[in-house]
Amino acid sequence: MKTTLIATALASSLGILGFVLPASAADEATMMSKCNTYAARHLGVSTTDIVELKYEGTRTDGTHAVNGSASNGQTFQCSFGPAGKHVVNWTHSAPTNCPADVSEADRYMYPACG
C-alpha cells in the first residue's frame, strides 16, 4: 500500500513538473479514435467505413503509428508525435474499387476506374 502511494505521488509530481510519461493503454485508444476521425475526414468516408485500426507501437524516434483500412479498400497510417496528441504525418493508398457515383473530374483519384 505504501509503495503504491509513493509511486502515485511520484507520477503525479512528474506530470506536474512537465515530464512526459510513456504512452499508456488509454493513450493508445485515444490515438486510435483520433486516427479514425482523421482518416474518415481525409478519405471522404464515414467513421463507420473505417473497418480496421491497429496501434503499431512507438518508433525509435518516439512517434507512434496507427495503421488502418477503410471499406473502400484504402489503407492508411496516422503518425502521432511523441506525446501522442496530434497526427504529425498521414499516408494512404489509392482506393481499390471504382465507386458508382464518382464524377469524371474525380476519376483520377480511383485507379480502378480506368
PDB file of N, CA and C in Angstrom:
ATOM      1  N   MET A   1       0.830  -1.195   0.000  1.00  0.00           N
ATOM      2  CA  MET A   1       0.000   0.000   0.000  1.00  0.00           C
ATOM      3  C   MET A   1       0.870   1.252   0.000  1.00  0.00           C
ATOM      4  N   LYS A   2       1.884   1.260   0.877  1.00  0.00           N
ATOM      5  CA  LYS A   2       2.772   2.416   0.973  1.00  0.00           C
ATOM      6  C   LYS A   2       3.524   2.634  -0.345  1.00  0.00           C
ATOM      7  N   THR A   3       3.968   1.535  -0.985  1.00  0.00           N
ATOM      8  CA  THR A   3       4.686   1.628  -2.261  1.00  0.00           C
ATOM      9  C   THR A   3       3.790   2.209  -3.348  1.00  0.00           C
ATOM     10  N   THR A   4       2.527   1.796  -3.361  1.00  0.00           N
ATOM     11  CA  THR A   4       1.575   2.303  -4.348  1.00  0.00           C
ATOM     12  C   THR A   4       1.365   3.805  -4.178  1.00  0.00           C
ATOM     13  N   LEU A   5       1.240   4.259  -2.931  1.00  0.00           N
ATOM     14  CA  LEU A   5       1.046   5.686  -2.676  1.00  0.00           C
ATOM     15  C   LEU A   5       2.265   6.489  -3.100  1.00  0.00           C
ATOM     16  N   ILE A   6       3.440   5.965  -2.833  1.00  0.00           N
ATOM     17  CA  ILE A   6       4.670   6.652  -3.226  1.00  0.00           C
ATOM     18  C   ILE A   6       4.756   6.737  -4.750  1.00  0.00           C
ATOM     19  N   ALA A   7       4.465   5.620  -5.438  1.00  0.00           N
ATOM     20  CA  ALA A   7       4.516   5.602  -6.904  1.00  0.00           C
ATOM     21  C   ALA A   7       3.508   6.577  -7.495  1.00  0.00           C
ATOM     22  N   THR A   8       2.308   6.636  -6.927  1.00  0.00           N
ATOM     23  CA  THR A   8       1.278   7.551  -7.405  1.00  0.00           C
ATOM     24  C   THR A   8       1.712   8.999  -7.198  1.00  0.00           C
ATOM     25  N   ALA A   9       2.265   9.290  -6.033  1.00  0.00           N
ATOM     26  CA  ALA A   9       2.725  10.646  -5.737  1.00  0.00           C
ATOM     27  C   ALA A   9       3.864  11.040  -6.684  1.00  0.00           C
ATOM     28  N   LEU A  10       4.784  10.133  -6.943  1.00  0.00           N
ATOM     29  CA  LEU A  10       5.899  10.403  -7.850  1.00  0.00           C
ATOM     30  C   LEU A  10       5.394  10.659  -9.264  1.00  0.00           C
ATOM     31  N   ALA A  11       4.480   9.828  -9.747  1.00  0.00           N
ATOM     32  CA  ALA A  11       3.925  10.001 -11.094  1.00  0.00           C
ATOM     33  C   ALA A  11       3.201  11.336 -11.202  1.00  0.00           C
ATOM     34  N   SER A  12       2.446  11.708 -10.176  1.00  0.00           N
ATOM     35  CA  SER A  12       1.740  12.992 -10.176  1.00  0.00           C
ATOM     36  C   SER A  12       2.723  14.147 -10.196  1.00  0.00           C
ATOM     37  N   SER A  13       3.778  14.050  -9.400  1.00  0.00           N
ATOM     38  CA  SER A  13       4.794  15.105  -9.347  1.00  0.00           C
ATOM     39  C   SER A  13       5.477  15.263 -10.692  1.00  0.00           C
ATOM     40  N   LEU A  14       5.822  14.165 -11.326  1.00  0.00           N
ATOM     41  CA  LEU A  14       6.475  14.231 -12.634  1.00  0.00           C
ATOM     42  C   LEU A  14       5.564  14.884 -13.657  1.00  0.00           C
ATOM     43  N   GLY A  15       4.283  14.539 -13.609  1.00  0.00           N
ATOM     44  CA  GLY A  15       3.327  15.143 -14.532  1.00  0.00           C
ATOM     45  C   GLY A  15       3.198  16.639 -14.303  1.00  0.00           C
ATOM     46  N   ILE A  16       3.173  17.065 -13.053  1.00  0.00           N
ATOM     47  CA  ILE A  16       3.067  18.487 -12.718  1.00  0.00           C
ATOM     48  C   ILE A  16       4.311  19.234 -13.173  1.00  0.00           C
ATOM     49  N   LEU A  17       5.476  18.611 -13.053  1.00  0.00           N
ATOM     50  CA  LEU A  17       6.732  19.250 -13.439  1.00  0.00           C
ATOM     51  C   LEU A  17       6.941  19.283 -14.941  1.00  0.00           C
ATOM     52  N   GLY A  18       6.062  18.666 -15.712  1.00  0.00           N
ATOM     53  CA  GLY A  18       6.136  18.738 -17.159  1.00  0.00           C
ATOM     54  C   GLY A  18       6.868  17.590 -17.817  1.00  0.00           C
ATOM     55  N   PHE A  19       7.202  16.561 -17.070  1.00  0.00           N
ATOM     56  CA  PHE A  19       7.843  15.404 -17.676  1.00  0.00           C
ATOM     57  C   PHE A  19       6.812  14.624 -18.460  1.00  0.00           C
ATOM     58  N   VAL A  20       7.215  14.095 -19.609  1.00  0.00           N
ATOM     59  CA  VAL A  20       6.314  13.297 -20.428  1.00  0.00           C
ATOM     60  C   VAL A  20       6.440  11.845 -20.005  1.00  0.00           C
ATOM     61  N   LEU A  21       5.343  11.281 -19.568  1.00  0.00           N
ATOM     62  CA  LEU A  21       5.331   9.881 -19.189  1.00  0.00           C
ATOM     63  C   LEU A  21       5.037   9.045 -20.419  1.00  0.00           C
ATOM     64  N   PRO A  22       5.468   7.788 -20.472  1.00  0.00           N
ATOM     65  CA  PRO A  22       5.230   6.960 -21.653  1.00  0.00           C
ATOM     66  C   PRO A  22       3.740   6.762 -21.921  1.00  0.00           C
ATOM     67  N   ALA A  23       3.415   6.489 -23.195  1.00  0.00           N
ATOM     68  CA  ALA A  23       2.024   6.264 -23.585  1.00  0.00           C
ATOM     69  C   ALA A  23       1.461   5.061 -22.855  1.00  0.00           C
ATOM     70  N   SER A  24       0.219   5.162 -22.453  1.00  0.00           N
ATOM     71  CA  SER A  24      -0.436   4.053 -21.767  1.00  0.00           C
ATOM     72  C   SER A  24      -1.519   3.486 -22.676  1.00  0.00           C
ATOM     73  N   ALA A  25      -2.175   2.425 -22.203  1.00  0.00           N
ATOM     74  CA  ALA A  25      -3.234   1.800 -22.986  1.00  0.00           C
ATOM     75  C   ALA A  25      -4.336   2.808 -23.308  1.00  0.00           C
ATOM     76  N   ALA A  26      -4.641   3.708 -22.367  1.00  0.00           N
ATOM     77  CA  ALA A  26      -5.676   4.717 -22.616  1.00  0.00           C
ATOM     78  C   ALA A  26      -5.250   5.651 -23.739  1.00  0.00           C
ATOM     79  N   ASP A  27      -3.959   6.004 -23.793  1.00  0.00           N
ATOM     80  CA  ASP A  27      -3.474   6.865 -24.863  1.00  0.00           C
ATOM     81  C   ASP A  27      -3.583   6.166 -26.212  1.00  0.00           C
ATOM     82  N   GLU A  28      -3.342   4.859 -26.241  1.00  0.00           N
ATOM     83  CA  GLU A  28      -3.469   4.103 -27.490  1.00  0.00           C
ATOM     84  C   GLU A  28      -4.899   4.192 -28.005  1.00  0.00           C
ATOM     85  N   ALA A  29      -5.856   4.037 -27.116  1.00  0.00           N
ATOM     86  CA  ALA A  29      -7.263   4.109 -27.510  1.00  0.00           C
ATOM     87  C   ALA A  29      -7.606   5.510 -28.038  1.00  0.00           C
ATOM     88  N   THR A  30      -7.056   6.533 -27.393  1.00  0.00           N
ATOM     89  CA  THR A  30      -7.300   7.904 -27.843  1.00  0.00           C
ATOM     90  C   THR A  30      -6.702   8.134 -29.221  1.00  0.00           C
ATOM     91  N   MET A  31      -5.477   7.651 -29.438  1.00  0.00           N
ATOM     92  CA  MET A  31      -4.850   7.810 -30.757  1.00  0.00           C
ATOM     93  C   MET A  31      -5.647   7.074 -31.825  1.00  0.00           C
ATOM     94  N   MET A  32      -6.142   5.895 -31.512  1.00  0.00           N
ATOM     95  CA  MET A  32      -6.930   5.137 -32.489  1.00  0.00           C
ATOM     96  C   MET A  32      -8.228   5.873 -32.816  1.00  0.00           C
ATOM     97  N   SER A  33      -8.856   6.448 -31.809  1.00  0.00           N
ATOM     98  CA  SER A  33     -10.087   7.202 -32.030  1.00  0.00           C
ATOM     99  C   SER A  33      -9.819   8.438 -32.893  1.00  0.00           C
ATOM    100  N   LYS A  34      -8.742   9.170 -32.575  1.00  0.00           N
ATOM    101  CA  LYS A  34      -8.392  10.350 -33.373  1.00  0.00           C
ATOM    102  C   LYS A  34      -8.043   9.958 -34.808  1.00  0.00           C
ATOM    103  N   CYS A  35      -7.351   8.835 -34.976  1.00  0.00           N
ATOM    104  CA  CYS A  35      -6.988   8.381 -36.312  1.00  0.00           C
ATOM    105  C   CYS A  35      -8.239   8.002 -37.107  1.00  0.00           C
ATOM    106  N   ASN A  36      -9.210   7.378 -36.455  1.00  0.00           N
ATOM    107  CA  ASN A  36     -10.463   7.008 -37.111  1.00  0.00           C
ATOM    108  C   ASN A  36     -11.132   8.259 -37.680  1.00  0.00           C
ATOM    109  N   THR A  37     -11.251   9.293 -36.875  1.00  0.00           N
ATOM    110  CA  THR A  37     -11.882  10.541 -37.305  1.00  0.00           C
ATOM    111  C   THR A  37     -11.066  11.213 -38.404  1.00  0.00           C
ATOM    112  N   TYR A  38      -9.748  11.263 -38.228  1.00  0.00           N
ATOM    113  CA  TYR A  38      -8.850  11.891 -39.196  1.00  0.00           C
ATOM    114  C   TYR A  38      -8.927  11.175 -40.545  1.00  0.00           C
ATOM    115  N   ALA A  39      -8.881   9.842 -40.506  1.00  0.00           N
ATOM    116  CA  ALA A  39      -8.937   9.050 -41.738  1.00  0.00           C
ATOM    117  C   ALA A  39     -10.257   9.244 -42.464  1.00  0.00           C
ATOM    118  N   ALA A  40     -11.352   9.202 -41.737  1.00  0.00           N
ATOM    119  CA  ALA A  40     -12.665   9.377 -42.363  1.00  0.00           C
ATOM    120  C   ALA A  40     -12.747  10.729 -43.072  1.00  0.00           C
ATOM    121  N   ARG A  41     -12.278  11.767 -42.405  1.00  0.00           N
ATOM    122  CA  ARG A  41     -12.321  13.104 -42.996  1.00  0.00           C
ATOM    123  C   ARG A  41     -11.439  13.181 -44.251  1.00  0.00           C
ATOM    124  N   HIS A  42     -10.229  12.636 -44.183  1.00  0.00           N
ATOM    125  CA  HIS A  42      -9.303  12.749 -45.306  1.00  0.00           C
ATOM    126  C   HIS A  42      -9.608  11.790 -46.456  1.00  0.00           C
ATOM    127  N   LEU A  43     -10.311  10.710 -46.171  1.00  0.00           N
ATOM    128  CA  LEU A  43     -10.670   9.764 -47.234  1.00  0.00           C
ATOM    129  C   LEU A  43     -12.062  10.052 -47.796  1.00  0.00           C
ATOM    130  N   GLY A  44     -12.789  10.966 -47.169  1.00  0.00           N
ATOM    131  CA  GLY A  44     -14.130  11.313 -47.634  1.00  0.00           C
ATOM    132  C   GLY A  44     -15.151  10.217 -47.379  1.00  0.00           C
ATOM    133  N   VAL A  45     -15.003   9.511 -46.260  1.00  0.00           N
ATOM    134  CA  VAL A  45     -15.934   8.435 -45.897  1.00  0.00           C
ATOM    135  C   VAL A  45     -16.466   8.685 -44.490  1.00  0.00           C
ATOM    136  N   SER A  46     -17.408   7.890 -44.074  1.00  0.00           N
ATOM    137  CA  SER A  46     -17.948   7.959 -42.721  1.00  0.00           C
ATOM    138  C   SER A  46     -16.991   7.250 -41.750  1.00  0.00           C
ATOM    139  N   THR A  47     -17.035   7.623 -40.488  1.00  0.00           N
ATOM    140  CA  THR A  47     -16.198   6.941 -39.495  1.00  0.00           C
ATOM    141  C   THR A  47     -16.558   5.461 -39.389  1.00  0.00           C
ATOM    142  N   THR A  48     -17.792   5.106 -39.754  1.00  0.00           N
ATOM    143  CA  THR A  48     -18.183   3.688 -39.729  1.00  0.00           C
ATOM    144  C   THR A  48     -17.597   2.918 -40.903  1.00  0.00           C
ATOM    145  N   ASP A  49     -17.080   3.641 -41.918  1.00  0.00           N
ATOM    146  CA  ASP A  49     -16.437   2.987 -43.058  1.00  0.00           C
ATOM    147  C   ASP A  49     -14.979   2.621 -42.779  1.00  0.00           C
ATOM    148  N   ILE A  50     -14.464   3.037 -41.638  1.00  0.00           N
ATOM    149  CA  ILE A  50     -13.122   2.633 -41.216  1.00  0.00           C
ATOM    150  C   ILE A  50     -13.301   1.272 -40.553  1.00  0.00           C
ATOM    151  N   VAL A  51     -12.807   0.232 -41.230  1.00  0.00           N
ATOM    152  CA  VAL A  51     -13.117  -1.133 -40.800  1.00  0.00           C
ATOM    153  C   VAL A  51     -12.037  -1.767 -39.929  1.00  0.00           C
ATOM    154  N   GLU A  52     -10.849  -1.186 -39.923  1.00  0.00           N
ATOM    155  CA  GLU A  52      -9.776  -1.774 -39.123  1.00  0.00           C
ATOM    156  C   GLU A  52      -8.830  -0.681 -38.654  1.00  0.00           C
ATOM    157  N   LEU A  53      -8.442  -0.748 -37.396  1.00  0.00           N
ATOM    158  CA  LEU A  53      -7.443   0.145 -36.824  1.00  0.00           C
ATOM    159  C   LEU A  53      -6.549  -0.673 -35.907  1.00  0.00           C
ATOM    160  N   LYS A  54      -5.249  -0.391 -35.940  1.00  0.00           N
ATOM    161  CA  LYS A  54      -4.336  -1.125 -35.074  1.00  0.00           C
ATOM    162  C   LYS A  54      -3.205  -0.204 -34.640  1.00  0.00           C
ATOM    163  N   TYR A  55      -3.000  -0.123 -33.331  1.00  0.00           N
ATOM    164  CA  TYR A  55      -1.874   0.632 -32.802  1.00  0.00           C
ATOM    165  C   TYR A  55      -0.628  -0.206 -33.027  1.00  0.00           C
ATOM    166  N   GLU A  56       0.350   0.330 -33.741  1.00  0.00           N
ATOM    167  CA  GLU A  56       1.555  -0.420 -34.101  1.00  0.00           C
ATOM    168  C   GLU A  56       2.701  -0.225 -33.122  1.00  0.00           C
ATOM    169  N   GLY A  57       2.608   0.763 -32.260  1.00  0.00           N
ATOM    170  CA  GLY A  57       3.647   0.960 -31.259  1.00  0.00           C
ATOM    171  C   GLY A  57       4.429   2.238 -31.445  1.00  0.00           C
ATOM    172  N   THR A  58       5.448   2.364 -30.606  1.00  0.00           N
ATOM    173  CA  THR A  58       6.309   3.536 -30.617  1.00  0.00           C
ATOM    174  C   THR A  58       7.539   3.254 -31.468  1.00  0.00           C
ATOM    175  N   ARG A  59       7.843   4.170 -32.365  1.00  0.00           N
ATOM    176  CA  ARG A  59       9.037   4.039 -33.214  1.00  0.00           C
ATOM    177  C   ARG A  59      10.277   4.511 -32.448  1.00  0.00           C
ATOM    178  N   THR A  60      11.437   4.274 -33.015  1.00  0.00           N
ATOM    179  CA  THR A  60      12.689   4.665 -32.354  1.00  0.00           C
ATOM    180  C   THR A  60      12.807   6.180 -32.194  1.00  0.00           C
ATOM    181  N   ASP A  61      12.128   6.956 -33.050  1.00  0.00           N
ATOM    182  CA  ASP A  61      12.178   8.414 -32.919  1.00  0.00           C
ATOM    183  C   ASP A  61      11.140   8.950 -31.935  1.00  0.00           C
ATOM    184  N   GLY A  62      10.385   8.045 -31.303  1.00  0.00           N
ATOM    185  CA  GLY A  62       9.403   8.446 -30.297  1.00  0.00           C
ATOM    186  C   GLY A  62       8.005   8.656 -30.829  1.00  0.00           C
ATOM    187  N   THR A  63       7.821   8.675 -32.164  1.00  0.00           N
ATOM    188  CA  THR A  63       6.486   8.838 -32.728  1.00  0.00           C
ATOM    189  C   THR A  63       5.721   7.521 -32.630  1.00  0.00           C
ATOM    190  N   HIS A  64       4.412   7.612 -32.764  1.00  0.00           N
ATOM    191  CA  HIS A  64       3.524   6.454 -32.651  1.00  0.00           C
ATOM    192  C   HIS A  64       2.816   6.225 -33.982  1.00  0.00           C
ATOM    193  N   ALA A  65       2.591   4.959 -34.334  1.00  0.00           N
ATOM    194  CA  ALA A  65       1.924   4.618 -35.589  1.00  0.00           C
ATOM    195  C   ALA A  65       0.606   3.916 -35.330  1.00  0.00           C
ATOM    196  N   VAL A  66      -0.421   4.340 -36.055  1.00  0.00           N
ATOM    197  CA  VAL A  66      -1.715   3.663 -36.075  1.00  0.00           C
ATOM    198  C   VAL A  66      -2.016   3.369 -37.536  1.00  0.00           C
ATOM    199  N   ASN A  67      -2.168   2.097 -37.874  1.00  0.00           N
ATOM    200  CA  ASN A  67      -2.489   1.681 -39.241  1.00  0.00           C
ATOM    201  C   ASN A  67      -3.954   1.296 -39.322  1.00  0.00           C
ATOM    202  N   GLY A  68      -4.529   1.411 -40.516  1.00  0.00           N
ATOM    203  CA  GLY A  68      -5.919   1.033 -40.673  1.00  0.00           C
ATOM    204  C   GLY A  68      -6.305   0.842 -42.118  1.00  0.00           C
ATOM    205  N   SER A  69      -7.575   0.479 -42.293  1.00  0.00           N
ATOM    206  CA  SER A  69      -8.125   0.327 -43.637  1.00  0.00           C
ATOM    207  C   SER A  69      -9.588   0.741 -43.631  1.00  0.00           C
ATOM    208  N   ALA A  70     -10.055   1.120 -44.812  1.00  0.00           N
ATOM    209  CA  ALA A  70     -11.436   1.554 -44.993  1.00  0.00           C
ATOM    210  C   ALA A  70     -12.178   0.528 -45.834  1.00  0.00           C
ATOM    211  N   SER A  71     -13.489   0.602 -45.809  1.00  0.00           N
ATOM    212  CA  SER A  71     -14.309  -0.358 -46.552  1.00  0.00           C
ATOM    213  C   SER A  71     -14.108  -0.253 -48.057  1.00  0.00           C
ATOM    214  N   ASN A  72     -13.587   0.871 -48.543  1.00  0.00           N
ATOM    215  CA  ASN A  72     -13.335   1.013 -49.980  1.00  0.00           C
ATOM    216  C   ASN A  72     -11.997   0.412 -50.399  1.00  0.00           C
ATOM    217  N   GLY A  73     -11.293  -0.229 -49.473  1.00  0.00           N
ATOM    218  CA  GLY A  73     -10.037  -0.892 -49.782  1.00  0.00           C
ATOM    219  C   GLY A  73      -8.798  -0.062 -49.522  1.00  0.00           C
ATOM    220  N   GLN A  74      -8.965   1.194 -49.195  1.00  0.00           N
ATOM    221  CA  GLN A  74      -7.804   2.034 -48.928  1.00  0.00           C
ATOM    222  C   GLN A  74      -7.176   1.674 -47.587  1.00  0.00           C
ATOM    223  N   THR A  75      -5.857   1.716 -47.562  1.00  0.00           N
ATOM    224  CA  THR A  75      -5.120   1.552 -46.316  1.00  0.00           C
ATOM    225  C   THR A  75      -4.492   2.898 -45.971  1.00  0.00           C
ATOM    226  N   PHE A  76      -4.202   3.087 -44.683  1.00  0.00           N
ATOM    227  CA  PHE A  76      -3.662   4.372 -44.261  1.00  0.00           C
ATOM    228  C   PHE A  76      -2.842   4.208 -42.994  1.00  0.00           C
ATOM    229  N   GLN A  77      -2.083   5.262 -42.691  1.00  0.00           N
ATOM    230  CA  GLN A  77      -1.333   5.300 -41.444  1.00  0.00           C
ATOM    231  C   GLN A  77      -1.373   6.715 -40.889  1.00  0.00           C
ATOM    232  N   CYS A  78      -1.712   6.807 -39.610  1.00  0.00           N
ATOM    233  CA  CYS A  78      -1.623   8.057 -38.869  1.00  0.00           C
ATOM    234  C   CYS A  78      -0.368   7.959 -38.013  1.00  0.00           C
ATOM    235  N   SER A  79       0.495   8.957 -38.114  1.00  0.00           N
ATOM    236  CA  SER A  79       1.670   9.018 -37.250  1.00  0.00           C
ATOM    237  C   SER A  79       1.452  10.145 -36.253  1.00  0.00           C
ATOM    238  N   PHE A  80       1.593   9.824 -34.979  1.00  0.00           N
ATOM    239  CA  PHE A  80       1.411  10.797 -33.906  1.00  0.00           C
ATOM    240  C   PHE A  80       2.757  11.196 -33.346  1.00  0.00           C
ATOM    241  N   GLY A  81       2.853  12.422 -32.849  1.00  0.00           N
ATOM    242  CA  GLY A  81       4.070  12.891 -32.202  1.00  0.00           C
ATOM    243  C   GLY A  81       4.342  12.096 -30.939  1.00  0.00           C
ATOM    244  N   PRO A  82       5.498  12.315 -30.320  1.00  0.00           N
ATOM    245  CA  PRO A  82       5.879  11.557 -29.120  1.00  0.00           C
ATOM    246  C   PRO A  82       4.850  11.626 -27.987  1.00  0.00           C
ATOM    247  N   ALA A  83       4.156  12.730 -27.849  1.00  0.00           N
ATOM    248  CA  ALA A  83       3.150  12.850 -26.794  1.00  0.00           C
ATOM    249  C   ALA A  83       1.860  12.118 -27.149  1.00  0.00           C
ATOM    250  N   GLY A  84       1.693  11.745 -28.422  1.00  0.00           N
ATOM    251  CA  GLY A  84       0.503  11.018 -28.847  1.00  0.00           C
ATOM    252  C   GLY A  84      -0.746  11.866 -28.941  1.00  0.00           C
ATOM    253  N   LYS A  85      -0.597  13.175 -29.031  1.00  0.00           N
ATOM    254  CA  LYS A  85      -1.753  14.084 -29.018  1.00  0.00           C
ATOM    255  C   LYS A  85      -2.254  14.462 -30.406  1.00  0.00           C
ATOM    256  N   HIS A  86      -1.339  14.583 -31.378  1.00  0.00           N
ATOM    257  CA  HIS A  86      -1.712  15.092 -32.697  1.00  0.00           C
ATOM    258  C   HIS A  86      -1.120  14.239 -33.811  1.00  0.00           C
ATOM    259  N   VAL A  87      -1.858  14.151 -34.928  1.00  0.00           N
ATOM    260  CA  VAL A  87      -1.341  13.483 -36.123  1.00  0.00           C
ATOM    261  C   VAL A  87      -0.295  14.414 -36.738  1.00  0.00           C
ATOM    262  N   VAL A  88       0.928  13.903 -36.905  1.00  0.00           N
ATOM    263  CA  VAL A  88       2.007  14.711 -37.475  1.00  0.00           C
ATOM    264  C   VAL A  88       2.355  14.276 -38.895  1.00  0.00           C
ATOM    265  N   ASN A  89       1.881  13.089 -39.302  1.00  0.00           N
ATOM    266  CA  ASN A  89       2.107  12.621 -40.666  1.00  0.00           C
ATOM    267  C   ASN A  89       0.964  11.685 -41.050  1.00  0.00           C
ATOM    268  N   TRP A  90       0.554  11.756 -42.298  1.00  0.00           N
ATOM    269  CA  TRP A  90      -0.577  10.968 -42.799  1.00  0.00           C
ATOM    270  C   TRP A  90      -0.204  10.389 -44.150  1.00  0.00           C
ATOM    271  N   THR A  91      -0.399   9.092 -44.332  1.00  0.00           N
ATOM    272  CA  THR A  91      -0.210   8.477 -45.643  1.00  0.00           C
ATOM    273  C   THR A  91      -1.390   7.555 -45.912  1.00  0.00           C
ATOM    274  N   HIS A  92      -1.731   7.407 -47.201  1.00  0.00           N
ATOM    275  CA  HIS A  92      -2.813   6.490 -47.559  1.00  0.00           C
ATOM    276  C   HIS A  92      -2.606   5.981 -48.980  1.00  0.00           C
ATOM    277  N   SER A  93      -3.218   4.843 -49.241  1.00  0.00           N
ATOM    278  CA  SER A  93      -3.166   4.253 -50.578  1.00  0.00           C
ATOM    279  C   SER A  93      -4.352   4.744 -51.397  1.00  0.00           C
ATOM    280  N   ALA A  94      -4.315   4.470 -52.674  1.00  0.00           N
ATOM    281  CA  ALA A  94      -5.436   4.804 -53.548  1.00  0.00           C
ATOM    282  C   ALA A  94      -6.565   3.794 -53.319  1.00  0.00           C
ATOM    283  N   PRO A  95      -7.806   4.179 -53.571  1.00  0.00           N
ATOM    284  CA  PRO A  95      -8.915   3.229 -53.434  1.00  0.00           C
ATOM    285  C   PRO A  95      -8.743   2.066 -54.415  1.00  0.00           C
ATOM    286  N   THR A  96      -9.236   0.899 -54.024  1.00  0.00           N
ATOM    287  CA  THR A  96      -9.099  -0.285 -54.886  1.00  0.00           C
ATOM    288  C   THR A  96     -10.356  -0.590 -55.677  1.00  0.00           C
ATOM    289  N   ASN A  97     -11.403   0.206 -55.498  1.00  0.00           N
ATOM    290  CA  ASN A  97     -12.617  -0.025 -56.275  1.00  0.00           C
ATOM    291  C   ASN A  97     -13.028   1.267 -56.968  1.00  0.00           C
ATOM    292  N   CYS A  98     -13.972   1.189 -57.864  1.00  0.00           N
ATOM    293  CA  CYS A  98     -14.464   2.351 -58.593  1.00  0.00           C
ATOM    294  C   CYS A  98     -15.900   2.616 -58.134  1.00  0.00           C
ATOM    295  N   PRO A  99     -16.094   3.644 -57.325  1.00  0.00           N
ATOM    296  CA  PRO A  99     -17.453   3.936 -56.856  1.00  0.00           C
ATOM    297  C   PRO A  99     -18.385   4.263 -58.012  1.00  0.00           C
ATOM    298  N   ALA A 100     -19.606   3.829 -57.921  1.00  0.00           N
ATOM    299  CA  ALA A 100     -20.588   4.046 -58.983  1.00  0.00           C
ATOM    300  C   ALA A 100     -20.890   5.529 -59.177  1.00  0.00           C
ATOM    301  N   ASP A 101     -20.781   6.320 -58.126  1.00  0.00           N
ATOM    302  CA  ASP A 101     -21.163   7.726 -58.207  1.00  0.00           C
ATOM    303  C   ASP A 101     -19.973   8.685 -58.394  1.00  0.00           C
ATOM    304  N   VAL A 102     -18.808   8.172 -58.762  1.00  0.00           N
ATOM    305  CA  VAL A 102     -17.644   9.040 -58.934  1.00  0.00           C
ATOM    306  C   VAL A 102     -17.805   9.876 -60.214  1.00  0.00           C
ATOM    307  N   SER A 103     -17.498  11.163 -60.088  1.00  0.00           N
ATOM    308  CA  SER A 103     -17.643  12.045 -61.250  1.00  0.00           C
ATOM    309  C   SER A 103     -16.441  11.887 -62.172  1.00  0.00           C
ATOM    310  N   GLU A 104     -16.594  12.322 -63.404  1.00  0.00           N
ATOM    311  CA  GLU A 104     -15.495  12.260 -64.365  1.00  0.00           C
ATOM    312  C   GLU A 104     -14.298  13.063 -63.858  1.00  0.00           C
ATOM    313  N   ALA A 105     -14.566  14.178 -63.199  1.00  0.00           N
ATOM    314  CA  ALA A 105     -13.491  15.038 -62.702  1.00  0.00           C
ATOM    315  C   ALA A 105     -12.679  14.364 -61.590  1.00  0.00           C
ATOM    316  N   ASP A 106     -13.291  13.442 -60.870  1.00  0.00           N
ATOM    317  CA  ASP A 106     -12.610  12.782 -59.754  1.00  0.00           C
ATOM    318  C   ASP A 106     -12.095  11.383 -60.088  1.00  0.00           C
ATOM    319  N   ARG A 107     -12.273  10.927 -61.319  1.00  0.00           N
ATOM    320  CA  ARG A 107     -11.860   9.569 -61.681  1.00  0.00           C
ATOM    321  C   ARG A 107     -10.367   9.341 -61.504  1.00  0.00           C
ATOM    322  N   TYR A 108      -9.549  10.393 -61.607  1.00  0.00           N
ATOM    323  CA  TYR A 108      -8.101  10.246 -61.446  1.00  0.00           C
ATOM    324  C   TYR A 108      -7.729   9.745 -60.046  1.00  0.00           C
ATOM    325  N   MET A 109      -8.612   9.962 -59.071  1.00  0.00           N
ATOM    326  CA  MET A 109      -8.329   9.524 -57.691  1.00  0.00           C
ATOM    327  C   MET A 109      -8.582   8.031 -57.498  1.00  0.00           C
ATOM    328  N   TYR A 110      -9.199   7.385 -58.489  1.00  0.00           N
ATOM    329  CA  TYR A 110      -9.584   5.978 -58.365  1.00  0.00           C
ATOM    330  C   TYR A 110      -8.980   5.180 -59.509  1.00  0.00           C
ATOM    331  N   PRO A 111      -7.799   4.596 -59.302  1.00  0.00           N
ATOM    332  CA  PRO A 111      -7.147   3.835 -60.369  1.00  0.00           C
ATOM    333  C   PRO A 111      -8.026   2.695 -60.921  1.00  0.00           C
ATOM    334  N   ALA A 112      -8.902   2.171 -60.107  1.00  0.00           N
ATOM    335  CA  ALA A 112      -9.759   1.069 -60.553  1.00  0.00           C
ATOM    336  C   ALA A 112     -10.803   1.528 -61.578  1.00  0.00           C
ATOM    337  N   CYS A 113     -10.991   2.828 -61.714  1.00  0.00           N
ATOM    338  CA  CYS A 113     -11.979   3.319 -62.678  1.00  0.00           C
ATOM    339  C   CYS A 113     -11.434   3.307 -64.103  1.00  0.00           C
ATOM    340  N   GLY A 114     -10.147   3.155 -64.251  1.00  0.00           N
ATOM    341  CA  GLY A 114      -9.505   3.014 -65.570  1.00  0.00           C
ATOM    342  C   GLY A 114      -9.689   4.159 -66.421  1.00  0.00           C
TER     343      GLY A 114
END
